[in-house]
Every structure is written in C-alpha cells, then in structure tokens.
C-alpha atoms as a PDB file:
ATOM      1  CA  MET A   1       5.717  12.904  12.525  1.00  0.00           C
ATOM      2  CA  SER A   2       3.406  15.615  12.960  1.00  0.00           C
ATOM      3  CA  GLU A   3       2.005  16.229  16.123  1.00  0.00           C
ATOM      4  CA  GLY A   4      -1.817  16.254  17.558  1.00  0.00           C
ATOM      5  CA  PRO A   5      -3.618  18.171  20.767  1.00  0.00           C
ATOM      6  CA  GLY A   6      -1.137  17.759  23.694  1.00  0.00           C
ATOM      7  CA  ASP A   7       1.631  17.001  22.077  1.00  0.00           C
ATOM      8  CA  LEU A   8       0.685  13.515  21.218  1.00  0.00           C
ATOM      9  CA  PRO A   9       1.897  12.640  17.440  1.00  0.00           C
ATOM     10  CA  VAL A  10      -0.576  11.653  15.310  1.00  0.00           C
ATOM     11  CA  VAL A  11       0.870   9.246  13.366  1.00  0.00           C
ATOM     12  CA  ARG A  12       1.492   6.679  16.365  1.00  0.00           C
ATOM     13  CA  LEU A  13       2.257   3.473  14.836  1.00  0.00           C
ATOM     14  CA  VAL A  14       3.753   2.149  11.263  1.00  0.00           C
ATOM     15  CA  ASP A  15       5.305  -1.294  10.862  1.00  0.00           C
ATOM     16  CA  ILE A  16       6.232  -3.801   8.687  1.00  0.00           C
ATOM     17  CA  ARG A  17       6.377  -7.519  10.459  1.00  0.00           C
ATOM     18  CA  ASP A  18       7.185 -10.522   9.653  1.00  0.00           C
ATOM     19  CA  VAL A  19       4.753 -11.697  12.608  1.00  0.00           C
ATOM     20  CA  PRO A  20       0.978 -12.093  13.247  1.00  0.00           C
ATOM     21  CA  LEU A  21      -0.644  -8.607  13.566  1.00  0.00           C
ATOM     22  CA  ASP A  22      -2.475  -7.602  16.671  1.00  0.00           C
ATOM     23  CA  VAL A  23      -5.676  -5.502  16.462  1.00  0.00           C
ATOM     24  CA  ALA A  24      -5.854  -4.705  20.714  1.00  0.00           C
ATOM     25  CA  GLU A  25      -2.379  -2.899  19.568  1.00  0.00           C
ATOM     26  CA  VAL A  26      -3.176  -0.923  16.925  1.00  0.00           C
ATOM     27  CA  LEU A  27      -6.402   0.414  19.228  1.00  0.00           C
ATOM     28  CA  ASP A  28      -4.047   1.150  22.202  1.00  0.00           C
ATOM     29  CA  ALA A  29      -2.062   3.147  20.052  1.00  0.00           C
ATOM     30  CA  LEU A  30      -4.783   5.190  18.892  1.00  0.00           C
ATOM     31  CA  ALA A  31      -6.430   5.844  22.350  1.00  0.00           C
ATOM     32  CA  ASP A  32      -7.469   9.681  22.725  1.00  0.00           C
ATOM     33  CA  PRO A  33      -9.456  11.057  24.751  1.00  0.00           C
ATOM     34  CA  ALA A  34     -10.740  13.873  22.235  1.00  0.00           C
ATOM     35  CA  ALA A  35     -11.672  10.792  20.057  1.00  0.00           C
ATOM     36  CA  GLY A  36     -15.276  10.223  19.052  1.00  0.00           C
ATOM     37  CA  GLY A  37     -14.555   7.650  16.674  1.00  0.00           C
ATOM     38  CA  VAL A  38     -12.524   4.908  15.924  1.00  0.00           C
ATOM     39  CA  ASP A  39     -12.304   3.762  12.801  1.00  0.00           C
ATOM     40  CA  VAL A  40     -10.416  -0.046  11.530  1.00  0.00           C
ATOM     41  CA  PHE A  41      -9.739  -1.724   8.774  1.00  0.00           C
ATOM     42  CA  VAL A  42      -8.366  -5.549   8.635  1.00  0.00           C
ATOM     43  CA  GLY A  43      -7.699  -7.114   5.430  1.00  0.00           C
ATOM     44  CA  ASN A  44      -7.420 -11.036   6.112  1.00  0.00           C
ATOM     45  CA  VAL A  45      -6.023 -13.686   3.638  1.00  0.00           C
ATOM     46  CA  ARG A  46      -9.340 -14.968   2.150  1.00  0.00           C
ATOM     47  CA  ASP A  47      -9.798 -18.347   0.424  1.00  0.00           C
ATOM     48  CA  HIS A  48     -10.697 -17.567  -2.640  1.00  0.00           C
ATOM     49  CA  ASP A  49      -9.563 -14.962  -5.634  1.00  0.00           C
ATOM     50  CA  ARG A  50     -11.810 -14.912  -8.448  1.00  0.00           C
ATOM     51  CA  ASP A  51     -12.842 -18.154  -9.452  1.00  0.00           C
ATOM     52  CA  HIS A  52      -9.421 -19.659  -8.242  1.00  0.00           C
ATOM     53  CA  GLY A  53      -9.802 -21.506  -3.996  1.00  0.00           C
ATOM     54  CA  VAL A  54      -6.469 -19.842  -2.693  1.00  0.00           C
ATOM     55  CA  THR A  55      -3.981 -22.506  -0.588  1.00  0.00           C
ATOM     56  CA  GLY A  56      -2.259 -19.529   0.902  1.00  0.00           C
ATOM     57  CA  LEU A  57       0.173 -16.584   0.269  1.00  0.00           C
ATOM     58  CA  GLU A  58       3.602 -14.989   0.920  1.00  0.00           C
ATOM     59  CA  TYR A  59       4.162 -11.259   1.158  1.00  0.00           C
ATOM     60  CA  SER A  60       7.230  -9.805  -0.277  1.00  0.00           C
ATOM     61  CA  ALA A  61       8.211  -5.701   0.520  1.00  0.00           C
ATOM     62  CA  HIS A  62      10.860  -3.704  -1.158  1.00  0.00           C
ATOM     63  CA  PRO A  63      13.390  -2.351   1.388  1.00  0.00           C
ATOM     64  CA  THR A  64      11.797   1.199   0.641  1.00  0.00           C
ATOM     65  CA  ALA A  65       8.221  -0.178   1.863  1.00  0.00           C
ATOM     66  CA  LEU A  66       8.382   0.936   5.270  1.00  0.00           C
ATOM     67  CA  GLU A  67       9.312   4.646   3.992  1.00  0.00           C
ATOM     68  CA  ARG A  68       6.597   4.486   1.502  1.00  0.00           C
ATOM     69  CA  LEU A  69       3.938   3.064   4.538  1.00  0.00           C
ATOM     70  CA  VAL A  70       5.256   6.175   6.611  1.00  0.00           C
ATOM     71  CA  GLU A  71       4.625   8.702   3.831  1.00  0.00           C
ATOM     72  CA  VAL A  72       1.335   7.485   3.101  1.00  0.00           C
ATOM     73  CA  THR A  73       0.536   7.522   7.162  1.00  0.00           C
ATOM     74  CA  GLU A  74       2.078  11.093   7.202  1.00  0.00           C
ATOM     75  CA  SER A  75      -0.295  12.258   4.117  1.00  0.00           C
ATOM     76  CA  VAL A  76      -3.305  10.745   5.766  1.00  0.00           C
ATOM     77  CA  ALA A  77      -2.513  12.648   9.140  1.00  0.00           C
ATOM     78  CA  LYS A  78      -1.864  16.340   7.436  1.00  0.00           C
ATOM     79  CA  GLU A  79      -5.187  15.962   4.913  1.00  0.00           C
ATOM     80  CA  TYR A  80      -8.093  14.914   7.313  1.00  0.00           C
ATOM     81  CA  ASP A  81      -8.925  15.775  10.283  1.00  0.00           C
ATOM     82  CA  VAL A  82      -7.650  12.910  12.132  1.00  0.00           C
ATOM     83  CA  LEU A  83      -6.184  12.735  15.915  1.00  0.00           C
ATOM     84  CA  ALA A  84      -4.306   9.290  15.759  1.00  0.00           C
ATOM     85  CA  VAL A  85      -3.516   7.290  12.667  1.00  0.00           C
ATOM     86  CA  ALA A  86      -1.552   3.750  12.475  1.00  0.00           C
ATOM     87  CA  ALA A  87      -1.228   1.140  10.199  1.00  0.00           C
ATOM     88  CA  VAL A  88       0.872  -2.218  10.294  1.00  0.00           C
ATOM     89  CA  HIS A  89       1.392  -4.850   7.752  1.00  0.00           C
ATOM     90  CA  ARG A  90       2.574  -8.735   7.537  1.00  0.00           C
ATOM     91  CA  VAL A  91       4.883 -10.127   5.530  1.00  0.00           C
ATOM     92  CA  GLY A  92       6.199 -13.901   5.146  1.00  0.00           C
ATOM     93  CA  ARG A  93       3.759 -16.701   5.041  1.00  0.00           C
ATOM     94  CA  LEU A  94       0.161 -16.205   5.778  1.00  0.00           C
ATOM     95  CA  ALA A  95      -2.529 -18.793   5.996  1.00  0.00           C
ATOM     96  CA  ILE A  96      -6.366 -18.607   5.106  1.00  0.00           C
ATOM     97  CA  GLY A  97      -7.915 -16.248   8.260  1.00  0.00           C
ATOM     98  CA  ASP A  98      -4.609 -14.128   8.994  1.00  0.00           C
ATOM     99  CA  ALA A  99      -4.455 -10.240   9.291  1.00  0.00           C
ATOM    100  CA  ALA A 100      -2.430  -9.358   6.356  1.00  0.00           C
ATOM    101  CA  VAL A 101      -2.896  -5.418   7.278  1.00  0.00           C
ATOM    102  CA  VAL A 102      -4.468  -3.533   9.637  1.00  0.00           C
ATOM    103  CA  VAL A 103      -5.240   0.431   9.127  1.00  0.00           C
ATOM    104  CA  ALA A 104      -7.216   2.771  11.556  1.00  0.00           C
ATOM    105  CA  THR A 105      -7.526   6.172  12.319  1.00  0.00           C
ATOM    106  CA  ALA A 106      -9.186   8.033  15.542  1.00  0.00           C
ATOM    107  CA  ALA A 107     -11.171  11.202  15.026  1.00  0.00           C
ATOM    108  CA  ALA A 108     -13.607  13.797  16.753  1.00  0.00           C
ATOM    109  CA  HIS A 109     -16.207  12.782  14.990  1.00  0.00           C
ATOM    110  CA  ARG A 110     -16.967   8.827  12.896  1.00  0.00           C
ATOM    111  CA  GLY A 111     -17.529  10.296   9.520  1.00  0.00           C
ATOM    112  CA  GLU A 112     -13.747  11.700   9.043  1.00  0.00           C
ATOM    113  CA  ALA A 113     -12.416   8.491  10.275  1.00  0.00           C
ATOM    114  CA  PHE A 114     -14.134   6.900   8.233  1.00  0.00           C
ATOM    115  CA  GLU A 115     -12.771   8.705   5.161  1.00  0.00           C
ATOM    116  CA  ALA A 116      -9.523   8.817   6.487  1.00  0.00           C
ATOM    117  CA  THR A 117      -9.314   5.159   7.028  1.00  0.00           C
ATOM    118  CA  ARG A 118     -10.539   4.577   3.336  1.00  0.00           C
ATOM    119  CA  ALA A 119      -8.046   6.600   2.085  1.00  0.00           C
ATOM    120  CA  LEU A 120      -5.203   4.752   4.036  1.00  0.00           C
ATOM    121  CA  ILE A 121      -5.586   1.585   2.718  1.00  0.00           C
ATOM    122  CA  ASP A 122      -6.560   2.964  -0.758  1.00  0.00           C
ATOM    123  CA  ARG A 123      -3.003   4.803  -0.901  1.00  0.00           C
ATOM    124  CA  LEU A 124      -1.693   1.957   0.778  1.00  0.00           C
ATOM    125  CA  LYS A 125      -2.367  -0.369  -1.555  1.00  0.00           C
ATOM    126  CA  GLN A 126      -1.716   1.629  -4.252  1.00  0.00           C
ATOM    127  CA  THR A 127       1.953   2.903  -3.428  1.00  0.00           C
ATOM    128  CA  VAL A 128       3.561   1.169  -1.175  1.00  0.00           C
ATOM    129  CA  PRO A 129       5.922  -1.662  -3.001  1.00  0.00           C
ATOM    130  CA  ILE A 130       4.461  -4.643  -0.881  1.00  0.00           C
ATOM    131  CA  TRP A 131       3.656  -7.552  -3.348  1.00  0.00           C
ATOM    132  CA  LYS A 132       1.142 -10.693  -2.584  1.00  0.00           C
ATOM    133  CA  HIS A 133       2.104 -14.325  -4.160  1.00  0.00           C
ATOM    134  CA  GLN A 134      -0.784 -16.433  -3.769  1.00  0.00           C
ATOM    135  CA  THR A 135      -1.088 -20.074  -4.640  1.00  0.00           C
ATOM    136  CA  PHE A 136      -4.346 -21.828  -5.449  1.00  0.00           C
ATOM    137  CA  GLU A 137      -5.894 -25.023  -5.047  1.00  0.00           C
ATOM    138  CA  ASP A 138      -5.222 -25.998  -9.045  1.00  0.00           C
ATOM    139  CA  GLY A 139      -1.747 -25.857  -8.510  1.00  0.00           C
ATOM    140  CA  THR A 140      -1.124 -22.597 -10.333  1.00  0.00           C
ATOM    141  CA  ASP A 141       0.245 -19.302  -8.795  1.00  0.00           C
ATOM    142  CA  GLU A 142      -0.052 -15.335  -8.845  1.00  0.00           C
ATOM    143  CA  TRP A 143       1.846 -12.419  -8.334  1.00  0.00           C
ATOM    144  CA  VAL A 144      -0.449  -9.761  -6.823  1.00  0.00           C
ATOM    145  CA  GLY A 145       1.039  -5.983  -6.901  1.00  0.00           C
ATOM    146  CA  THR A 146       4.088  -5.743  -9.151  1.00  0.00           C
ATOM    147  CA  PRO A 147       4.877  -3.937 -11.453  1.00  0.00           C
END
C-alpha cells in the first residue's frame, strides 16, 4: 500500500465484514494531525426503493470483492491528494437502518476530502462485486448489482 507523510499508509482500513460496521473505527483509522478535513459517507439500509417498501436485504460478495476494494482504495489514494483512506462494507442479512458501507478520506483541506470520498463510493459501487438482494413488503424481491 502507498504511504503518506511520516511513513503512515494512506490506505488504512479496508474490509468486508459480516458484523455491524463502526463509524468510530473508520474515523480512528483516519486520525492524522495534518488532516484539516475528514469526509465520511455512510450508506444505510432504507425502508424503500423507488415505489416499493423494503423489509430487509442481504449482501453477498464475490470471492474477489476484497481484492477489488483494495484496488479501488489504492486508486483513490494515488489520484487524490489525501492523507488517509478507509472503506468497509457489510455482507449478510441487514435490517432497515443498518450501515451497509462506510467510506472516508482525510486530507489537508475539505475540498479534496469531499472529492476523494465521492470518487471512493462511486467506484466501489461500480466495480466491487457485491450484490444486494432486497425483499419488499408485497412479497417480491430483487437482486441489485448483478451482471
């Protein structure tokens, strides 16, 4: 992994887990005295999708998903002037309100942190093979993110 000032790694936390995610852990991983801006995105399970009420969902990950997530975090770390990057995604059965993904960056200035975090979540959603199976109030279901 690439290193930042003081030989600290820029990519500090990357994982796919089947346990609840902890935003405080992500913030702790990004702690850096040179960081003037830390930007965090938390994706939660919502109670609807389009015009359907959602009762729950389950995330599944391809065996290469963690490798791809590392690649995405590394690409953001190289492309943006950031001090630290973190990304964790949950798999398994999640309830309404649960955190499904937490991504964050730290930079000397807020603008760069905002841009890098946006790129991080967008690239994760586009390229990391994690699929969502959601169930609806009417008994139907849907897979999202599958080829």
